[in-house]
PDB file of N, CA and C in Angstrom:
ATOM      1  N   MET A   1      89.740 105.777 100.356  1.00  0.00           N
ATOM      2  CA  MET A   1      91.426 105.942 100.450  1.00  0.00           C
ATOM      3  C   MET A   1      91.813 107.030  98.814  1.00  0.00           C
ATOM      4  N   ASN A   2      92.546 108.082  99.043  1.00  0.00           N
ATOM      5  CA  ASN A   2      92.801 108.713  98.373  1.00  0.00           C
ATOM      6  C   ASN A   2      93.902 108.557  96.988  1.00  0.00           C
ATOM      7  N   ARG A   3      93.782 109.249  95.758  1.00  0.00           N
ATOM      8  CA  ARG A   3      94.733 109.544  94.945  1.00  0.00           C
ATOM      9  C   ARG A   3      94.703 109.945  94.042  1.00  0.00           C
ATOM     10  N   PHE A   4      95.508 111.128  93.831  1.00  0.00           N
ATOM     11  CA  PHE A   4      96.201 112.068  93.091  1.00  0.00           C
ATOM     12  C   PHE A   4      96.793 111.891  91.961  1.00  0.00           C
ATOM     13  N   GLU A   5      96.363 112.748  90.758  1.00  0.00           N
ATOM     14  CA  GLU A   5      96.844 112.314  89.944  1.00  0.00           C
ATOM     15  C   GLU A   5      96.906 114.146  89.168  1.00  0.00           C
ATOM     16  N   GLY A   6      97.500 114.298  87.837  1.00  0.00           N
ATOM     17  CA  GLY A   6      97.742 115.854  87.422  1.00  0.00           C
ATOM     18  C   GLY A   6      98.954 116.648  88.172  1.00  0.00           C
ATOM     19  N   PRO A   7      98.597 117.764  88.925  1.00  0.00           N
ATOM     20  CA  PRO A   7      99.815 118.502  89.458  1.00  0.00           C
ATOM     21  C   PRO A   7     100.407 117.918  90.258  1.00  0.00           C
ATOM     22  N   GLY A   8     100.247 117.071  91.388  1.00  0.00           N
ATOM     23  CA  GLY A   8     100.659 116.171  92.495  1.00  0.00           C
ATOM     24  C   GLY A   8     101.608 114.908  92.186  1.00  0.00           C
ATOM     25  N   GLY A   9     101.322 114.668  90.740  1.00  0.00           N
ATOM     26  CA  GLY A   9     101.450 113.489  90.150  1.00  0.00           C
ATOM     27  C   GLY A   9     102.649 112.690  90.677  1.00  0.00           C
ATOM     28  N   SER A  10     104.240 113.387  90.668  1.00  0.00           N
ATOM     29  CA  SER A  10     105.472 112.676  90.898  1.00  0.00           C
ATOM     30  C   SER A  10     105.565 113.203  92.058  1.00  0.00           C
ATOM     31  N   LYS A  11     104.929 113.947  93.331  1.00  0.00           N
ATOM     32  CA  LYS A  11     105.649 114.575  94.022  1.00  0.00           C
ATOM     33  C   LYS A  11     105.420 113.570  95.622  1.00  0.00           C
ATOM     34  N   GLU A  12     105.924 113.550  96.592  1.00  0.00           N
ATOM     35  CA  GLU A  12     105.336 112.877  97.643  1.00  0.00           C
ATOM     36  C   GLU A  12     104.421 113.466  98.266  1.00  0.00           C
ATOM     37  N   ALA A  13     103.496 112.959  98.771  1.00  0.00           N
ATOM     38  CA  ALA A  13     102.663 112.970  99.281  1.00  0.00           C
ATOM     39  C   ALA A  13     102.436 113.526 100.949  1.00  0.00           C
ATOM     40  N   ARG A  14     101.773 114.046 101.245  1.00  0.00           N
ATOM     41  CA  ARG A  14     101.498 114.397 102.924  1.00  0.00           C
ATOM     42  C   ARG A  14     100.341 114.042 103.287  1.00  0.00           C
ATOM     43  N   ILE A  15     100.842 112.750 104.371  1.00  0.00           N
ATOM     44  CA  ILE A  15      99.265 112.092 104.700  1.00  0.00           C
ATOM     45  C   ILE A  15      99.278 112.383 106.288  1.00  0.00           C
ATOM     46  N   ARG A  16      98.070 111.856 107.022  1.00  0.00           N
ATOM     47  CA  ARG A  16      97.630 111.774 107.928  1.00  0.00           C
ATOM     48  C   ARG A  16      97.002 110.443 108.262  1.00  0.00           C
ATOM     49  N   TYR A  17      97.961 109.826 109.106  1.00  0.00           N
ATOM     50  CA  TYR A  17      97.425 108.319 108.936  1.00  0.00           C
ATOM     51  C   TYR A  17      96.342 108.317 110.236  1.00  0.00           C
ATOM     52  N   LEU A  18      95.018 107.536 109.515  1.00  0.00           N
ATOM     53  CA  LEU A  18      94.126 107.559 110.879  1.00  0.00           C
ATOM     54  C   LEU A  18      94.144 105.764 111.220  1.00  0.00           C
ATOM     55  N   ASP A  19      92.998 105.232 111.848  1.00  0.00           N
ATOM     56  CA  ASP A  19      92.785 103.918 112.200  1.00  0.00           C
ATOM     57  C   ASP A  19      92.351 103.402 110.963  1.00  0.00           C
ATOM     58  N   GLY A  20      92.934 102.307 110.040  1.00  0.00           N
ATOM     59  CA  GLY A  20      91.476 101.742 109.028  1.00  0.00           C
ATOM     60  C   GLY A  20      91.729 103.187 107.753  1.00  0.00           C
ATOM     61  N   ASP A  21      92.196 103.982 107.768  1.00  0.00           N
ATOM     62  CA  ASP A  21      91.948 104.548 106.742  1.00  0.00           C
ATOM     63  C   ASP A  21      93.168 105.873 106.844  1.00  0.00           C
ATOM     64  N   PHE A  22      93.416 106.253 105.737  1.00  0.00           N
ATOM     65  CA  PHE A  22      94.154 107.519 105.809  1.00  0.00           C
ATOM     66  C   PHE A  22      93.578 109.134 105.453  1.00  0.00           C
ATOM     67  N   GLN A  23      94.299 110.204 105.653  1.00  0.00           N
ATOM     68  CA  GLN A  23      94.118 111.527 104.705  1.00  0.00           C
ATOM     69  C   GLN A  23      94.809 112.342 103.754  1.00  0.00           C
ATOM     70  N   VAL A  24      95.015 112.317 102.569  1.00  0.00           N
ATOM     71  CA  VAL A  24      95.675 113.159 102.397  1.00  0.00           C
ATOM     72  C   VAL A  24      95.917 114.669 102.504  1.00  0.00           C
ATOM     73  N   THR A  25      97.331 114.735 103.500  1.00  0.00           N
ATOM     74  CA  THR A  25      97.080 116.695 103.537  1.00  0.00           C
ATOM     75  C   THR A  25      97.600 117.667 102.226  1.00  0.00           C
ATOM     76  N   SER A  26      98.198 117.031 101.385  1.00  0.00           N
ATOM     77  CA  SER A  26      99.238 117.643 100.423  1.00  0.00           C
ATOM     78  C   SER A  26      98.941 116.642  99.381  1.00  0.00           C
ATOM     79  N   PRO A  27      98.753 117.191  98.016  1.00  0.00           N
ATOM     80  CA  PRO A  27      98.741 116.022  97.151  1.00  0.00           C
ATOM     81  C   PRO A  27      99.828 115.596  96.786  1.00  0.00           C
ATOM     82  N   GLY A  28      99.727 114.245  95.975  1.00  0.00           N
ATOM     83  CA  GLY A  28     101.182 113.903  95.913  1.00  0.00           C
ATOM     84  C   GLY A  28     100.747 112.697  95.133  1.00  0.00           C
ATOM     85  N   ALA A  29     101.638 111.588  94.596  1.00  0.00           N
ATOM     86  CA  ALA A  29     101.728 110.374  93.926  1.00  0.00           C
ATOM     87  C   ALA A  29     102.399 109.128  94.994  1.00  0.00           C
ATOM     88  N   PHE A  30     103.179 109.455  95.789  1.00  0.00           N
ATOM     89  CA  PHE A  30     103.439 108.176  96.327  1.00  0.00           C
ATOM     90  C   PHE A  30     103.848 108.775  98.321  1.00  0.00           C
ATOM     91  N   VAL A  31     104.125 107.989  98.928  1.00  0.00           N
ATOM     92  CA  VAL A  31     104.738 108.609 100.393  1.00  0.00           C
ATOM     93  C   VAL A  31     106.286 107.814 100.672  1.00  0.00           C
ATOM     94  N   ARG A  32     107.220 107.879 101.018  1.00  0.00           N
ATOM     95  CA  ARG A  32     108.223 106.653 101.572  1.00  0.00           C
ATOM     96  C   ARG A  32     108.645 105.744 103.347  1.00  0.00           C
ATOM     97  N   CYS A  33     108.519 104.704 102.953  1.00  0.00           N
ATOM     98  CA  CYS A  33     108.772 104.192 103.910  1.00  0.00           C
ATOM     99  C   CYS A  33     109.610 104.385 104.599  1.00  0.00           C
ATOM    100  N   ALA A  34     109.125 105.172 106.511  1.00  0.00           N
ATOM    101  CA  ALA A  34     110.249 105.299 107.329  1.00  0.00           C
ATOM    102  C   ALA A  34     110.874 104.232 107.637  1.00  0.00           C
ATOM    103  N   VAL A  35     110.879 103.066 107.038  1.00  0.00           N
ATOM    104  CA  VAL A  35     112.268 102.022 107.202  1.00  0.00           C
ATOM    105  C   VAL A  35     113.088 102.196 106.377  1.00  0.00           C
ATOM    106  N   THR A  36     112.704 101.795 104.985  1.00  0.00           N
ATOM    107  CA  THR A  36     113.776 101.331 103.826  1.00  0.00           C
ATOM    108  C   THR A  36     113.772 102.952 103.283  1.00  0.00           C
ATOM    109  N   GLY A  37     113.036 103.410 103.189  1.00  0.00           N
ATOM    110  CA  GLY A  37     112.926 104.735 102.490  1.00  0.00           C
ATOM    111  C   GLY A  37     112.290 104.756 100.921  1.00  0.00           C
ATOM    112  N   GLU A  38     111.781 103.237 100.850  1.00  0.00           N
ATOM    113  CA  GLU A  38     111.207 102.981  99.148  1.00  0.00           C
ATOM    114  C   GLU A  38     110.121 103.997  99.221  1.00  0.00           C
ATOM    115  N   SER A  39     109.914 104.247  97.943  1.00  0.00           N
ATOM    116  CA  SER A  39     108.378 105.027  97.313  1.00  0.00           C
ATOM    117  C   SER A  39     107.571 103.809  97.654  1.00  0.00           C
ATOM    118  N   ILE A  40     106.355 104.609  97.849  1.00  0.00           N
ATOM    119  CA  ILE A  40     105.270 103.845  98.071  1.00  0.00           C
ATOM    120  C   ILE A  40     103.887 104.264  97.686  1.00  0.00           C
ATOM    121  N   PRO A  41     103.553 104.201  96.508  1.00  0.00           N
ATOM    122  CA  PRO A  41     102.349 104.197  95.212  1.00  0.00           C
ATOM    123  C   PRO A  41     100.946 104.858  96.076  1.00  0.00           C
ATOM    124  N   LEU A  42     100.121 105.991  96.450  1.00  0.00           N
ATOM    125  CA  LEU A  42      99.411 105.600  97.486  1.00  0.00           C
ATOM    126  C   LEU A  42      98.427 104.141  97.535  1.00  0.00           C
ATOM    127  N   ASP A  43      98.019 103.932  95.897  1.00  0.00           N
ATOM    128  CA  ASP A  43      97.462 102.819  96.120  1.00  0.00           C
ATOM    129  C   ASP A  43      97.571 101.657  96.552  1.00  0.00           C
ATOM    130  N   GLU A  44      98.892 101.660  96.909  1.00  0.00           N
ATOM    131  CA  GLU A  44     100.026 100.226  97.222  1.00  0.00           C
ATOM    132  C   GLU A  44      99.354 100.609  98.551  1.00  0.00           C
ATOM    133  N   LEU A  45      99.661 101.729  99.419  1.00  0.00           N
ATOM    134  CA  LEU A  45     100.036 102.045 100.700  1.00  0.00           C
ATOM    135  C   LEU A  45      98.982 100.692 101.684  1.00  0.00           C
ATOM    136  N   LYS A  46      99.458  99.593 102.378  1.00  0.00           N
ATOM    137  CA  LYS A  46      98.393  99.241 103.147  1.00  0.00           C
ATOM    138  C   LYS A  46      98.901  99.117 104.319  1.00  0.00           C
ATOM    139  N   TYR A  47     100.271  99.948 104.824  1.00  0.00           N
ATOM    140  CA  TYR A  47     100.658  99.505 106.086  1.00  0.00           C
ATOM    141  C   TYR A  47     101.689 100.906 106.590  1.00  0.00           C
ATOM    142  N   TRP A  48     101.146 101.363 108.255  1.00  0.00           N
ATOM    143  CA  TRP A  48     101.321 102.221 108.599  1.00  0.00           C
ATOM    144  C   TRP A  48     100.753 102.523 110.234  1.00  0.00           C
ATOM    145  N   SER A  49     101.825 103.371 111.014  1.00  0.00           N
ATOM    146  CA  SER A  49     101.300 103.218 112.289  1.00  0.00           C
ATOM    147  C   SER A  49     100.701 104.738 112.740  1.00  0.00           C
ATOM    148  N   VAL A  50      99.785 104.723 113.291  1.00  0.00           N
ATOM    149  CA  VAL A  50      98.842 105.617 113.687  1.00  0.00           C
ATOM    150  C   VAL A  50      99.462 106.237 114.775  1.00  0.00           C
ATOM    151  N   ALA A  51     100.295 106.017 115.859  1.00  0.00           N
ATOM    152  CA  ALA A  51     100.155 106.547 116.906  1.00  0.00           C
ATOM    153  C   ALA A  51     101.968 107.189 116.140  1.00  0.00           C
ATOM    154  N   ARG A  52     102.482 106.577 115.433  1.00  0.00           N
ATOM    155  CA  ARG A  52     104.241 107.183 115.364  1.00  0.00           C
ATOM    156  C   ARG A  52     103.983 108.171 113.755  1.00  0.00           C
ATOM    157  N   GLN A  53     102.767 107.841 113.039  1.00  0.00           N
ATOM    158  CA  GLN A  53     102.730 108.828 111.469  1.00  0.00           C
ATOM    159  C   GLN A  53     103.385 108.335 110.818  1.00  0.00           C
ATOM    160  N   GLU A  54     103.807 107.253 110.255  1.00  0.00           N
ATOM    161  CA  GLU A  54     104.838 106.690 109.466  1.00  0.00           C
ATOM    162  C   GLU A  54     104.002 105.692 108.858  1.00  0.00           C
ATOM    163  N   PRO A  55     104.380 105.647 107.371  1.00  0.00           N
ATOM    164  CA  PRO A  55     104.163 104.474 106.406  1.00  0.00           C
ATOM    165  C   PRO A  55     105.136 103.673 106.234  1.00  0.00           C
ATOM    166  N   TYR A  56     104.885 101.854 106.306  1.00  0.00           N
ATOM    167  CA  TYR A  56     105.554 101.142 105.606  1.00  0.00           C
ATOM    168  C   TYR A  56     105.789 100.860 104.806  1.00  0.00           C
ATOM    169  N   VAL A  57     106.517 100.242 104.039  1.00  0.00           N
ATOM    170  CA  VAL A  57     106.280  99.631 102.663  1.00  0.00           C
ATOM    171  C   VAL A  57     105.649  98.299 102.373  1.00  0.00           C
ATOM    172  N   SER A  58     105.778  96.975 103.624  1.00  0.00           N
ATOM    173  CA  SER A  58     105.356  95.846 103.820  1.00  0.00           C
ATOM    174  C   SER A  58     105.122  95.625 105.079  1.00  0.00           C
ATOM    175  N   ALA A  59     104.598  94.778 105.695  1.00  0.00           N
ATOM    176  CA  ALA A  59     104.461  93.732 106.822  1.00  0.00           C
ATOM    177  C   ALA A  59     105.816  94.155 107.674  1.00  0.00           C
ATOM    178  N   THR A  60     106.712  92.939 107.119  1.00  0.00           N
ATOM    179  CA  THR A  60     107.403  93.015 107.449  1.00  0.00           C
ATOM    180  C   THR A  60     108.687  94.142 108.183  1.00  0.00           C
ATOM    181  N   ALA A  61     108.566  95.381 107.076  1.00  0.00           N
ATOM    182  CA  ALA A  61     109.047  96.592 107.453  1.00  0.00           C
ATOM    183  C   ALA A  61     108.172  97.296 108.809  1.00  0.00           C
ATOM    184  N   SER A  62     106.872  97.022 108.960  1.00  0.00           N
ATOM    185  CA  SER A  62     106.358  97.392 110.046  1.00  0.00           C
ATOM    186  C   SER A  62     107.174  96.684 111.610  1.00  0.00           C
ATOM    187  N   LEU A  63     106.812  95.443 111.284  1.00  0.00           N
ATOM    188  CA  LEU A  63     107.314  94.852 112.457  1.00  0.00           C
ATOM    189  C   LEU A  63     108.964  94.935 112.550  1.00  0.00           C
ATOM    190  N   ARG A  64     109.811  95.426 111.683  1.00  0.00           N
ATOM    191  CA  ARG A  64     111.567  95.988 112.127  1.00  0.00           C
ATOM    192  C   ARG A  64     110.954  97.059 113.187  1.00  0.00           C
ATOM    193  N   ARG A  65     110.012  98.441 112.701  1.00  0.00           N
ATOM    194  CA  ARG A  65     110.201  99.395 113.351  1.00  0.00           C
ATOM    195  C   ARG A  65     109.565  99.237 114.614  1.00  0.00           C
ATOM    196  N   GLU A  66     108.619  98.288 114.781  1.00  0.00           N
ATOM    197  CA  GLU A  66     108.107  98.024 115.731  1.00  0.00           C
ATOM    198  C   GLU A  66     109.286  97.213 117.515  1.00  0.00           C
ATOM    199  N   ILE A  67     110.195  96.532 116.792  1.00  0.00           N
ATOM    200  CA  ILE A  67     110.863  95.737 117.540  1.00  0.00           C
ATOM    201  C   ILE A  67     111.981  97.104 117.464  1.00  0.00           C
ATOM    202  N   GLU A  68     112.359  97.844 116.849  1.00  0.00           N
ATOM    203  CA  GLU A  68     113.479  98.665 117.301  1.00  0.00           C
ATOM    204  C   GLU A  68     112.720  99.700 118.236  1.00  0.00           C
ATOM    205  N   VAL A  69     111.462 100.245 118.123  1.00  0.00           N
ATOM    206  CA  VAL A  69     110.770 100.598 119.189  1.00  0.00           C
ATOM    207  C   VAL A  69     110.114 100.301 120.681  1.00  0.00           C
ATOM    208  N   HIS A  70     110.588  99.398 120.469  1.00  0.00           N
ATOM    209  CA  HIS A  70     110.054  98.660 121.329  1.00  0.00           C
ATOM    210  C   HIS A  70     110.724  96.697 121.469  1.00  0.00           C
ATOM    211  N   PRO A  71     112.252  97.071 122.521  1.00  0.00           N
ATOM    212  CA  PRO A  71     113.808  96.152 122.377  1.00  0.00           C
ATOM    213  C   PRO A  71     112.775  94.966 123.030  1.00  0.00           C
ATOM    214  N   GLU A  72     112.140  95.081 123.809  1.00  0.00           N
ATOM    215  CA  GLU A  72     111.818  93.844 124.530  1.00  0.00           C
ATOM    216  C   GLU A  72     111.177  93.117 123.854  1.00  0.00           C
ATOM    217  N   LEU A  73     110.395  93.590 122.877  1.00  0.00           N
ATOM    218  CA  LEU A  73     109.989  92.153 122.050  1.00  0.00           C
ATOM    219  C   LEU A  73     110.148  91.210 121.463  1.00  0.00           C
ATOM    220  N   ARG A  74     112.000  91.560 121.244  1.00  0.00           N
ATOM    221  CA  ARG A  74     112.624  90.239 120.708  1.00  0.00           C
ATOM    222  C   ARG A  74     112.691  89.354 121.724  1.00  0.00           C
ATOM    223  N   LYS A  75     112.438  89.304 123.174  1.00  0.00           N
ATOM    224  CA  LYS A  75     112.987  88.635 124.188  1.00  0.00           C
ATOM    225  C   LYS A  75     111.327  87.792 124.608  1.00  0.00           C
ATOM    226  N   ARG A  76     110.330  88.083 123.633  1.00  0.00           N
ATOM    227  CA  ARG A  76     108.959  86.921 123.729  1.00  0.00           C
ATOM    228  C   ARG A  76     109.324  85.561 122.721  1.00  0.00           C
ATOM    229  N   GLY A  77     108.700  84.961 123.411  1.00  0.00           N
ATOM    230  CA  GLY A  77     108.899  83.661 122.394  1.00  0.00           C
ATOM    231  C   GLY A  77     107.742  82.543 122.881  1.00  0.00           C
TER     232      GLY A  77
END
């Protein structure tokens, strides 16, 4: 994983999300959670969707998005 300091230190990064890793395409220090809008420092980024190319601040936020996209998941029990 990549962390950039210096010129991009306080701006939002652009990321390409891959399986198990990500690639910084535009330097920055953080990304924004697609669900909550919270800033996520790149060195703390753990959750994302490769299919939707979205980062999430937590597993809970990731699940919330998954249920939004696939409402039929609520019916499973």
